[in-house]
Amino acid sequence: FTISRDNAKNTVYLQMNSLEPEDT
């Protein structure tokens, strides 16, 4: 997972890769 933010868009993101059933 990678967290990032774009304050100009007033938004924070969470990029989730290689997802597993345990991430449900």
mmCIF file of all heavy atoms, coordinates in Angstrom:
data_MODEL
# 
_entry.id   MODEL 
# 
loop_
_atom_site.group_PDB 
_atom_site.id 
_atom_site.type_symbol 
_atom_site.label_atom_id 
_atom_site.label_alt_id 
_atom_site.label_comp_id 
_atom_site.label_asym_id 
_atom_site.label_entity_id 
_atom_site.label_seq_id 
_atom_site.pdbx_PDB_ins_code 
_atom_site.Cartn_x 
_atom_site.Cartn_y 
_atom_site.Cartn_z 
_atom_site.occupancy 
_atom_site.B_iso_or_equiv 
_atom_site.pdbx_formal_charge 
_atom_site.auth_seq_id 
_atom_site.auth_comp_id 
_atom_site.auth_asym_id 
_atom_site.auth_atom_id 
_atom_site.pdbx_PDB_model_num 
ATOM 1   N N   . PHE A 1 1  ? 0.844   -1.196  0.000  1.00 0.00 ? 1  PHE A N   1 
ATOM 2   C CA  . PHE A 1 1  ? 0.000   0.000   0.000  1.00 0.00 ? 1  PHE A CA  1 
ATOM 3   C C   . PHE A 1 1  ? 0.878   1.244   0.000  1.00 0.00 ? 1  PHE A C   1 
ATOM 4   O O   . PHE A 1 1  ? 1.961   1.261   0.597  1.00 0.00 ? 1  PHE A O   1 
ATOM 5   C CB  . PHE A 1 1  ? -0.895  0.036   1.235  1.00 0.00 ? 1  PHE A CB  1 
ATOM 6   C CG  . PHE A 1 1  ? -1.998  -1.003  1.273  1.00 0.00 ? 1  PHE A CG  1 
ATOM 7   C CD1 . PHE A 1 1  ? -2.031  -2.068  0.376  1.00 0.00 ? 1  PHE A CD1 1 
ATOM 8   C CD2 . PHE A 1 1  ? -3.002  -0.912  2.221  1.00 0.00 ? 1  PHE A CD2 1 
ATOM 9   C CE1 . PHE A 1 1  ? -3.040  -3.010  0.415  1.00 0.00 ? 1  PHE A CE1 1 
ATOM 10  C CE2 . PHE A 1 1  ? -4.022  -1.839  2.276  1.00 0.00 ? 1  PHE A CE2 1 
ATOM 11  C CZ  . PHE A 1 1  ? -4.035  -2.895  1.375  1.00 0.00 ? 1  PHE A CZ  1 
ATOM 12  N N   . THR A 1 2  ? 0.372   2.283   -0.642 1.00 0.00 ? 2  THR A N   1 
ATOM 13  C CA  . THR A 1 2  ? 1.057   3.571   -0.656 1.00 0.00 ? 2  THR A CA  1 
ATOM 14  C C   . THR A 1 2  ? 0.049   4.683   -0.398 1.00 0.00 ? 2  THR A C   1 
ATOM 15  O O   . THR A 1 2  ? -0.959  4.784   -1.105 1.00 0.00 ? 2  THR A O   1 
ATOM 16  C CB  . THR A 1 2  ? 1.760   3.819   -2.003 1.00 0.00 ? 2  THR A CB  1 
ATOM 17  O OG1 . THR A 1 2  ? 2.681   2.756   -2.268 1.00 0.00 ? 2  THR A OG1 1 
ATOM 18  C CG2 . THR A 1 2  ? 2.517   5.143   -1.973 1.00 0.00 ? 2  THR A CG2 1 
ATOM 19  N N   . ILE A 1 3  ? 0.342   5.504   0.596  1.00 0.00 ? 3  ILE A N   1 
ATOM 20  C CA  . ILE A 1 3  ? -0.514  6.638   0.905  1.00 0.00 ? 3  ILE A CA  1 
ATOM 21  C C   . ILE A 1 3  ? 0.103   7.902   0.309  1.00 0.00 ? 3  ILE A C   1 
ATOM 22  O O   . ILE A 1 3  ? 1.334   8.051   0.278  1.00 0.00 ? 3  ILE A O   1 
ATOM 23  C CB  . ILE A 1 3  ? -0.722  6.786   2.428  1.00 0.00 ? 3  ILE A CB  1 
ATOM 24  C CG1 . ILE A 1 3  ? -1.837  7.774   2.740  1.00 0.00 ? 3  ILE A CG1 1 
ATOM 25  C CG2 . ILE A 1 3  ? 0.577   7.147   3.128  1.00 0.00 ? 3  ILE A CG2 1 
ATOM 26  C CD1 . ILE A 1 3  ? -2.231  7.782   4.221  1.00 0.00 ? 3  ILE A CD1 1 
ATOM 27  N N   . SER A 1 4  ? -0.744  8.791   -0.179 1.00 0.00 ? 4  SER A N   1 
ATOM 28  C CA  . SER A 1 4  ? -0.261  10.056  -0.731 1.00 0.00 ? 4  SER A CA  1 
ATOM 29  C C   . SER A 1 4  ? -1.360  11.093  -0.564 1.00 0.00 ? 4  SER A C   1 
ATOM 30  O O   . SER A 1 4  ? -2.502  10.753  -0.242 1.00 0.00 ? 4  SER A O   1 
ATOM 31  C CB  . SER A 1 4  ? 0.120   9.899   -2.203 1.00 0.00 ? 4  SER A CB  1 
ATOM 32  O OG  . SER A 1 4  ? -1.014  9.523   -2.980 1.00 0.00 ? 4  SER A OG  1 
ATOM 33  N N   . ARG A 1 5  ? -0.995  12.339  -0.779 1.00 0.00 ? 5  ARG A N   1 
ATOM 34  C CA  . ARG A 1 5  ? -1.989  13.385  -0.645 1.00 0.00 ? 5  ARG A CA  1 
ATOM 35  C C   . ARG A 1 5  ? -1.754  14.456  -1.680 1.00 0.00 ? 5  ARG A C   1 
ATOM 36  O O   . ARG A 1 5  ? -0.616  14.716  -2.091 1.00 0.00 ? 5  ARG A O   1 
ATOM 37  C CB  . ARG A 1 5  ? -2.002  13.972  0.760  1.00 0.00 ? 5  ARG A CB  1 
ATOM 38  C CG  . ARG A 1 5  ? -0.759  14.712  1.182  1.00 0.00 ? 5  ARG A CG  1 
ATOM 39  C CD  . ARG A 1 5  ? -0.800  15.005  2.691  1.00 0.00 ? 5  ARG A CD  1 
ATOM 40  N NE  . ARG A 1 5  ? -1.958  15.816  3.068  1.00 0.00 ? 5  ARG A NE  1 
ATOM 41  C CZ  . ARG A 1 5  ? -2.464  15.854  4.297  1.00 0.00 ? 5  ARG A CZ  1 
ATOM 42  N NH1 . ARG A 1 5  ? -1.926  15.124  5.262  1.00 0.00 ? 5  ARG A NH1 1 
ATOM 43  N NH2 . ARG A 1 5  ? -3.500  16.625  4.574  1.00 0.00 ? 5  ARG A NH2 1 
ATOM 44  N N   . ASP A 1 6  ? -2.845  15.099  -2.067 1.00 0.00 ? 6  ASP A N   1 
ATOM 45  C CA  . ASP A 1 6  ? -2.808  16.236  -2.969 1.00 0.00 ? 6  ASP A CA  1 
ATOM 46  C C   . ASP A 1 6  ? -3.612  17.333  -2.286 1.00 0.00 ? 6  ASP A C   1 
ATOM 47  O O   . ASP A 1 6  ? -4.844  17.372  -2.388 1.00 0.00 ? 6  ASP A O   1 
ATOM 48  C CB  . ASP A 1 6  ? -3.406  15.869  -4.330 1.00 0.00 ? 6  ASP A CB  1 
ATOM 49  C CG  . ASP A 1 6  ? -3.280  16.981  -5.349 1.00 0.00 ? 6  ASP A CG  1 
ATOM 50  O OD1 . ASP A 1 6  ? -3.053  18.150  -4.953 1.00 0.00 ? 6  ASP A OD1 1 
ATOM 51  O OD2 . ASP A 1 6  ? -3.423  16.707  -6.544 1.00 0.00 ? 6  ASP A OD2 1 
ATOM 52  N N   . ASN A 1 7  ? -2.926  18.185  -1.559 1.00 0.00 ? 7  ASN A N   1 
ATOM 53  C CA  . ASN A 1 7  ? -3.636  19.205  -0.788 1.00 0.00 ? 7  ASN A CA  1 
ATOM 54  C C   . ASN A 1 7  ? -4.382  20.189  -1.689 1.00 0.00 ? 7  ASN A C   1 
ATOM 55  O O   . ASN A 1 7  ? -5.394  20.762  -1.281 1.00 0.00 ? 7  ASN A O   1 
ATOM 56  C CB  . ASN A 1 7  ? -2.668  19.941  0.127  1.00 0.00 ? 7  ASN A CB  1 
ATOM 57  C CG  . ASN A 1 7  ? -2.269  19.095  1.333  1.00 0.00 ? 7  ASN A CG  1 
ATOM 58  O OD1 . ASN A 1 7  ? -2.878  18.064  1.634  1.00 0.00 ? 7  ASN A OD1 1 
ATOM 59  N ND2 . ASN A 1 7  ? -1.236  19.523  2.036  1.00 0.00 ? 7  ASN A ND2 1 
ATOM 60  N N   . ALA A 1 8  ? -3.903  20.386  -2.888 1.00 0.00 ? 8  ALA A N   1 
ATOM 61  C CA  . ALA A 1 8  ? -4.601  21.272  -3.823 1.00 0.00 ? 8  ALA A CA  1 
ATOM 62  C C   . ALA A 1 8  ? -5.982  20.729  -4.175 1.00 0.00 ? 8  ALA A C   1 
ATOM 63  O O   . ALA A 1 8  ? -6.913  21.483  -4.455 1.00 0.00 ? 8  ALA A O   1 
ATOM 64  C CB  . ALA A 1 8  ? -3.773  21.459  -5.082 1.00 0.00 ? 8  ALA A CB  1 
ATOM 65  N N   . LYS A 1 9  ? -6.098  19.382  -4.141 1.00 0.00 ? 9  LYS A N   1 
ATOM 66  C CA  . LYS A 1 9  ? -7.388  18.742  -4.431 1.00 0.00 ? 9  LYS A CA  1 
ATOM 67  C C   . LYS A 1 9  ? -8.115  18.351  -3.149 1.00 0.00 ? 9  LYS A C   1 
ATOM 68  O O   . LYS A 1 9  ? -9.191  17.746  -3.207 1.00 0.00 ? 9  LYS A O   1 
ATOM 69  C CB  . LYS A 1 9  ? -7.177  17.503  -5.304 1.00 0.00 ? 9  LYS A CB  1 
ATOM 70  C CG  . LYS A 1 9  ? -6.650  17.820  -6.692 1.00 0.00 ? 9  LYS A CG  1 
ATOM 71  C CD  . LYS A 1 9  ? -6.551  16.559  -7.548 1.00 0.00 ? 9  LYS A CD  1 
ATOM 72  C CE  . LYS A 1 9  ? -6.067  16.900  -8.950 1.00 0.00 ? 9  LYS A CE  1 
ATOM 73  N NZ  . LYS A 1 9  ? -5.943  15.693  -9.797 1.00 0.00 ? 9  LYS A NZ  1 
ATOM 74  N N   . ASN A 1 10 ? -7.499  18.686  -2.005 1.00 0.00 ? 10 ASN A N   1 
ATOM 75  C CA  . ASN A 1 10 ? -8.113  18.363  -0.725 1.00 0.00 ? 10 ASN A CA  1 
ATOM 76  C C   . ASN A 1 10 ? -8.416  16.871  -0.593 1.00 0.00 ? 10 ASN A C   1 
ATOM 77  O O   . ASN A 1 10 ? -9.451  16.479  -0.049 1.00 0.00 ? 10 ASN A O   1 
ATOM 78  C CB  . ASN A 1 10 ? -9.408  19.175  -0.537 1.00 0.00 ? 10 ASN A CB  1 
ATOM 79  C CG  . ASN A 1 10 ? -9.553  19.709  0.870  1.00 0.00 ? 10 ASN A CG  1 
ATOM 80  O OD1 . ASN A 1 10 ? -8.587  19.837  1.612  1.00 0.00 ? 10 ASN A OD1 1 
ATOM 81  N ND2 . ASN A 1 10 ? -10.777 20.022  1.245  1.00 0.00 ? 10 ASN A ND2 1 
ATOM 82  N N   . THR A 1 11 ? -7.495  16.066  -1.090 1.00 0.00 ? 11 THR A N   1 
ATOM 83  C CA  . THR A 1 11 ? -7.720  14.631  -1.197 1.00 0.00 ? 11 THR A CA  1 
ATOM 84  C C   . THR A 1 11 ? -6.486  13.850  -0.767 1.00 0.00 ? 11 THR A C   1 
ATOM 85  O O   . THR A 1 11 ? -5.354  14.263  -1.046 1.00 0.00 ? 11 THR A O   1 
ATOM 86  C CB  . THR A 1 11 ? -8.101  14.255  -2.643 1.00 0.00 ? 11 THR A CB  1 
ATOM 87  O OG1 . THR A 1 11 ? -9.300  14.948  -3.010 1.00 0.00 ? 11 THR A OG1 1 
ATOM 88  C CG2 . THR A 1 11 ? -8.344  12.760  -2.781 1.00 0.00 ? 11 THR A CG2 1 
ATOM 89  N N   . VAL A 1 12 ? -6.740  12.734  -0.105 1.00 0.00 ? 12 VAL A N   1 
ATOM 90  C CA  . VAL A 1 12 ? -5.699  11.781  0.252  1.00 0.00 ? 12 VAL A CA  1 
ATOM 91  C C   . VAL A 1 12 ? -6.030  10.461  -0.425 1.00 0.00 ? 12 VAL A C   1 
ATOM 92  O O   . VAL A 1 12 ? -7.203  10.084  -0.518 1.00 0.00 ? 12 VAL A O   1 
ATOM 93  C CB  . VAL A 1 12 ? -5.605  11.606  1.776  1.00 0.00 ? 12 VAL A CB  1 
ATOM 94  C CG1 . VAL A 1 12 ? -4.643  10.490  2.147  1.00 0.00 ? 12 VAL A CG1 1 
ATOM 95  C CG2 . VAL A 1 12 ? -5.187  12.915  2.427  1.00 0.00 ? 12 VAL A CG2 1 
ATOM 96  N N   . TYR A 1 13 ? -5.003  9.768   -0.883 1.00 0.00 ? 13 TYR A N   1 
ATOM 97  C CA  . TYR A 1 13 ? -5.191  8.526   -1.620 1.00 0.00 ? 13 TYR A CA  1 
ATOM 98  C C   . TYR A 1 13 ? -4.542  7.356   -0.882 1.00 0.00 ? 13 TYR A C   1 
ATOM 99  O O   . TYR A 1 13 ? -3.579  7.534   -0.137 1.00 0.00 ? 13 TYR A O   1 
ATOM 100 C CB  . TYR A 1 13 ? -4.558  8.640   -3.008 1.00 0.00 ? 13 TYR A CB  1 
ATOM 101 C CG  . TYR A 1 13 ? -5.059  9.800   -3.820 1.00 0.00 ? 13 TYR A CG  1 
ATOM 102 C CD1 . TYR A 1 13 ? -4.333  10.987  -3.904 1.00 0.00 ? 13 TYR A CD1 1 
ATOM 103 C CD2 . TYR A 1 13 ? -6.264  9.712   -4.507 1.00 0.00 ? 13 TYR A CD2 1 
ATOM 104 C CE1 . TYR A 1 13 ? -4.795  12.059  -4.634 1.00 0.00 ? 13 TYR A CE1 1 
ATOM 105 C CE2 . TYR A 1 13 ? -6.732  10.781  -5.259 1.00 0.00 ? 13 TYR A CE2 1 
ATOM 106 C CZ  . TYR A 1 13 ? -5.991  11.952  -5.316 1.00 0.00 ? 13 TYR A CZ  1 
ATOM 107 O OH  . TYR A 1 13 ? -6.453  13.012  -6.049 1.00 0.00 ? 13 TYR A OH  1 
ATOM 108 N N   . LEU A 1 14 ? -5.075  6.190   -1.131 1.00 0.00 ? 14 LEU A N   1 
ATOM 109 C CA  . LEU A 1 14 ? -4.450  4.952   -0.669 1.00 0.00 ? 14 LEU A CA  1 
ATOM 110 C C   . LEU A 1 14 ? -4.397  4.006   -1.861 1.00 0.00 ? 14 LEU A C   1 
ATOM 111 O O   . LEU A 1 14 ? -5.434  3.465   -2.276 1.00 0.00 ? 14 LEU A O   1 
ATOM 112 C CB  . LEU A 1 14 ? -5.220  4.322   0.487  1.00 0.00 ? 14 LEU A CB  1 
ATOM 113 C CG  . LEU A 1 14 ? -4.546  3.100   1.110  1.00 0.00 ? 14 LEU A CG  1 
ATOM 114 C CD1 . LEU A 1 14 ? -3.260  3.518   1.837  1.00 0.00 ? 14 LEU A CD1 1 
ATOM 115 C CD2 . LEU A 1 14 ? -5.488  2.396   2.086  1.00 0.00 ? 14 LEU A CD2 1 
ATOM 116 N N   . GLN A 1 15 ? -3.211  3.837   -2.408 1.00 0.00 ? 15 GLN A N   1 
ATOM 117 C CA  . GLN A 1 15 ? -3.010  2.904   -3.514 1.00 0.00 ? 15 GLN A CA  1 
ATOM 118 C C   . GLN A 1 15 ? -2.745  1.536   -2.923 1.00 0.00 ? 15 GLN A C   1 
ATOM 119 O O   . GLN A 1 15 ? -1.811  1.370   -2.124 1.00 0.00 ? 15 GLN A O   1 
ATOM 120 C CB  . GLN A 1 15 ? -1.830  3.335   -4.384 1.00 0.00 ? 15 GLN A CB  1 
ATOM 121 C CG  . GLN A 1 15 ? -1.497  2.381   -5.517 1.00 0.00 ? 15 GLN A CG  1 
ATOM 122 C CD  . GLN A 1 15 ? -2.590  2.340   -6.577 1.00 0.00 ? 15 GLN A CD  1 
ATOM 123 O OE1 . GLN A 1 15 ? -3.129  3.369   -6.966 1.00 0.00 ? 15 GLN A OE1 1 
ATOM 124 N NE2 . GLN A 1 15 ? -2.906  1.138   -7.053 1.00 0.00 ? 15 GLN A NE2 1 
ATOM 125 N N   . MET A 1 16 ? -3.566  0.568   -3.305 1.00 0.00 ? 16 MET A N   1 
ATOM 126 C CA  . MET A 1 16 ? -3.454  -0.774  -2.741 1.00 0.00 ? 16 MET A CA  1 
ATOM 127 C C   . MET A 1 16 ? -3.137  -1.756  -3.855 1.00 0.00 ? 16 MET A C   1 
ATOM 128 O O   . MET A 1 16 ? -3.926  -1.905  -4.793 1.00 0.00 ? 16 MET A O   1 
ATOM 129 C CB  . MET A 1 16 ? -4.769  -1.151  -2.044 1.00 0.00 ? 16 MET A CB  1 
ATOM 130 C CG  . MET A 1 16 ? -5.218  -0.151  -0.999 1.00 0.00 ? 16 MET A CG  1 
ATOM 131 S SD  . MET A 1 16 ? -6.655  -0.699  -0.061 1.00 0.00 ? 16 MET A SD  1 
ATOM 132 C CE  . MET A 1 16 ? -7.875  -0.804  -1.352 1.00 0.00 ? 16 MET A CE  1 
ATOM 133 N N   . ASN A 1 17 ? -2.007  -2.393  -3.760 1.00 0.00 ? 17 ASN A N   1 
ATOM 134 C CA  . ASN A 1 17 ? -1.573  -3.374  -4.762 1.00 0.00 ? 17 ASN A CA  1 
ATOM 135 C C   . ASN A 1 17 ? -1.474  -4.755  -4.121 1.00 0.00 ? 17 ASN A C   1 
ATOM 136 O O   . ASN A 1 17 ? -1.428  -4.890  -2.899 1.00 0.00 ? 17 ASN A O   1 
ATOM 137 C CB  . ASN A 1 17 ? -0.225  -2.966  -5.341 1.00 0.00 ? 17 ASN A CB  1 
ATOM 138 C CG  . ASN A 1 17 ? -0.268  -1.632  -6.054 1.00 0.00 ? 17 ASN A CG  1 
ATOM 139 O OD1 . ASN A 1 17 ? -1.293  -1.238  -6.629 1.00 0.00 ? 17 ASN A OD1 1 
ATOM 140 N ND2 . ASN A 1 17 ? 0.844   -0.914  -6.025 1.00 0.00 ? 17 ASN A ND2 1 
ATOM 141 N N   . SER A 1 18 ? -1.403  -5.757  -4.975 1.00 0.00 ? 18 SER A N   1 
ATOM 142 C CA  . SER A 1 18 ? -1.249  -7.149  -4.513 1.00 0.00 ? 18 SER A CA  1 
ATOM 143 C C   . SER A 1 18 ? -2.245  -7.482  -3.415 1.00 0.00 ? 18 SER A C   1 
ATOM 144 O O   . SER A 1 18 ? -1.889  -8.041  -2.371 1.00 0.00 ? 18 SER A O   1 
ATOM 145 C CB  . SER A 1 18 ? 0.186   -7.378  -4.016 1.00 0.00 ? 18 SER A CB  1 
ATOM 146 O OG  . SER A 1 18 ? 1.125   -7.085  -5.025 1.00 0.00 ? 18 SER A OG  1 
ATOM 147 N N   . LEU A 1 19 ? -3.486  -7.134  -3.659 1.00 0.00 ? 19 LEU A N   1 
ATOM 148 C CA  . LEU A 1 19 ? -4.510  -7.327  -2.633 1.00 0.00 ? 19 LEU A CA  1 
ATOM 149 C C   . LEU A 1 19 ? -4.748  -8.797  -2.346 1.00 0.00 ? 19 LEU A C   1 
ATOM 150 O O   . LEU A 1 19 ? -4.686  -9.646  -3.245 1.00 0.00 ? 19 LEU A O   1 
ATOM 151 C CB  . LEU A 1 19 ? -5.803  -6.635  -3.059 1.00 0.00 ? 19 LEU A CB  1 
ATOM 152 C CG  . LEU A 1 19 ? -5.776  -5.119  -2.866 1.00 0.00 ? 19 LEU A CG  1 
ATOM 153 C CD1 . LEU A 1 19 ? -6.838  -4.432  -3.696 1.00 0.00 ? 19 LEU A CD1 1 
ATOM 154 C CD2 . LEU A 1 19 ? -5.934  -4.772  -1.398 1.00 0.00 ? 19 LEU A CD2 1 
ATOM 155 N N   . GLU A 1 20 ? -5.038  -9.062  -1.099 1.00 0.00 ? 20 GLU A N   1 
ATOM 156 C CA  . GLU A 1 20 ? -5.252  -10.425 -0.606 1.00 0.00 ? 20 GLU A CA  1 
ATOM 157 C C   . GLU A 1 20 ? -6.632  -10.512 0.023  1.00 0.00 ? 20 GLU A C   1 
ATOM 158 O O   . GLU A 1 20 ? -7.196  -9.485  0.436  1.00 0.00 ? 20 GLU A O   1 
ATOM 159 C CB  . GLU A 1 20 ? -4.177  -10.753 0.442  1.00 0.00 ? 20 GLU A CB  1 
ATOM 160 C CG  . GLU A 1 20 ? -2.751  -10.565 -0.039 1.00 0.00 ? 20 GLU A CG  1 
ATOM 161 C CD  . GLU A 1 20 ? -1.749  -10.561 1.113  1.00 0.00 ? 20 GLU A CD  1 
ATOM 162 O OE1 . GLU A 1 20 ? -2.179  -10.528 2.285  1.00 0.00 ? 20 GLU A OE1 1 
ATOM 163 O OE2 . GLU A 1 20 ? -0.532  -10.585 0.815  1.00 0.00 ? 20 GLU A OE2 1 
ATOM 164 N N   . PRO A 1 21 ? -7.190  -11.711 0.120  1.00 0.00 ? 21 PRO A N   1 
ATOM 165 C CA  . PRO A 1 21 ? -8.500  -11.841 0.777  1.00 0.00 ? 21 PRO A CA  1 
ATOM 166 C C   . PRO A 1 21 ? -8.508  -11.251 2.182  1.00 0.00 ? 21 PRO A C   1 
ATOM 167 O O   . PRO A 1 21 ? -9.541  -10.743 2.628  1.00 0.00 ? 21 PRO A O   1 
ATOM 168 C CB  . PRO A 1 21 ? -8.721  -13.360 0.793  1.00 0.00 ? 21 PRO A CB  1 
ATOM 169 C CG  . PRO A 1 21 ? -7.959  -13.856 -0.394 1.00 0.00 ? 21 PRO A CG  1 
ATOM 170 C CD  . PRO A 1 21 ? -6.753  -12.988 -0.478 1.00 0.00 ? 21 PRO A CD  1 
ATOM 171 N N   . GLU A 1 22 ? -7.377  -11.295 2.855  1.00 0.00 ? 22 GLU A N   1 
ATOM 172 C CA  . GLU A 1 22 ? -7.286  -10.746 4.207  1.00 0.00 ? 22 GLU A CA  1 
ATOM 173 C C   . GLU A 1 22 ? -7.413  -9.222  4.233  1.00 0.00 ? 22 GLU A C   1 
ATOM 174 O O   . GLU A 1 22 ? -7.567  -8.632  5.299  1.00 0.00 ? 22 GLU A O   1 
ATOM 175 C CB  . GLU A 1 22 ? -5.962  -11.139 4.854  1.00 0.00 ? 22 GLU A CB  1 
ATOM 176 C CG  . GLU A 1 22 ? -5.795  -12.636 5.136  1.00 0.00 ? 22 GLU A CG  1 
ATOM 177 C CD  . GLU A 1 22 ? -5.574  -13.473 3.896  1.00 0.00 ? 22 GLU A CD  1 
ATOM 178 O OE1 . GLU A 1 22 ? -5.085  -12.921 2.875  1.00 0.00 ? 22 GLU A OE1 1 
ATOM 179 O OE2 . GLU A 1 22 ? -5.874  -14.684 3.919  1.00 0.00 ? 22 GLU A OE2 1 
ATOM 180 N N   . ASP A 1 23 ? -7.333  -8.587  3.102  1.00 0.00 ? 23 ASP A N   1 
ATOM 181 C CA  . ASP A 1 23 ? -7.509  -7.135  3.023  1.00 0.00 ? 23 ASP A CA  1 
ATOM 182 C C   . ASP A 1 23 ? -8.980  -6.738  2.942  1.00 0.00 ? 23 ASP A C   1 
ATOM 183 O O   . ASP A 1 23 ? -9.303  -5.546  2.969  1.00 0.00 ? 23 ASP A O   1 
ATOM 184 C CB  . ASP A 1 23 ? -6.780  -6.573  1.793  1.00 0.00 ? 23 ASP A CB  1 
ATOM 185 C CG  . ASP A 1 23 ? -5.279  -6.762  1.875  1.00 0.00 ? 23 ASP A CG  1 
ATOM 186 O OD1 . ASP A 1 23 ? -4.708  -6.500  2.950  1.00 0.00 ? 23 ASP A OD1 1 
ATOM 187 O OD2 . ASP A 1 23 ? -4.681  -7.173  0.858  1.00 0.00 ? 23 ASP A OD2 1 
ATOM 188 N N   . THR A 1 24 ? -9.859  -7.697  2.846  1.00 0.00 ? 24 THR A N   1 
ATOM 189 C CA  . THR A 1 24 ? -11.290 -7.409  2.776  1.00 0.00 ? 24 THR A CA  1 
ATOM 190 C C   . THR A 1 24 ? -11.765 -6.719  4.046  1.00 0.00 ? 24 THR A C   1 
ATOM 191 O O   . THR A 1 24 ? -11.549 -7.222  5.153  1.00 0.00 ? 24 THR A O   1 
ATOM 192 C CB  . THR A 1 24 ? -12.090 -8.712  2.576  1.00 0.00 ? 24 THR A CB  1 
ATOM 193 O OG1 . THR A 1 24 ? -11.755 -9.276  1.303  1.00 0.00 ? 24 THR A OG1 1 
ATOM 194 C CG2 . THR A 1 24 ? -13.583 -8.453  2.640  1.00 0.00 ? 24 THR A CG2 1 
# 
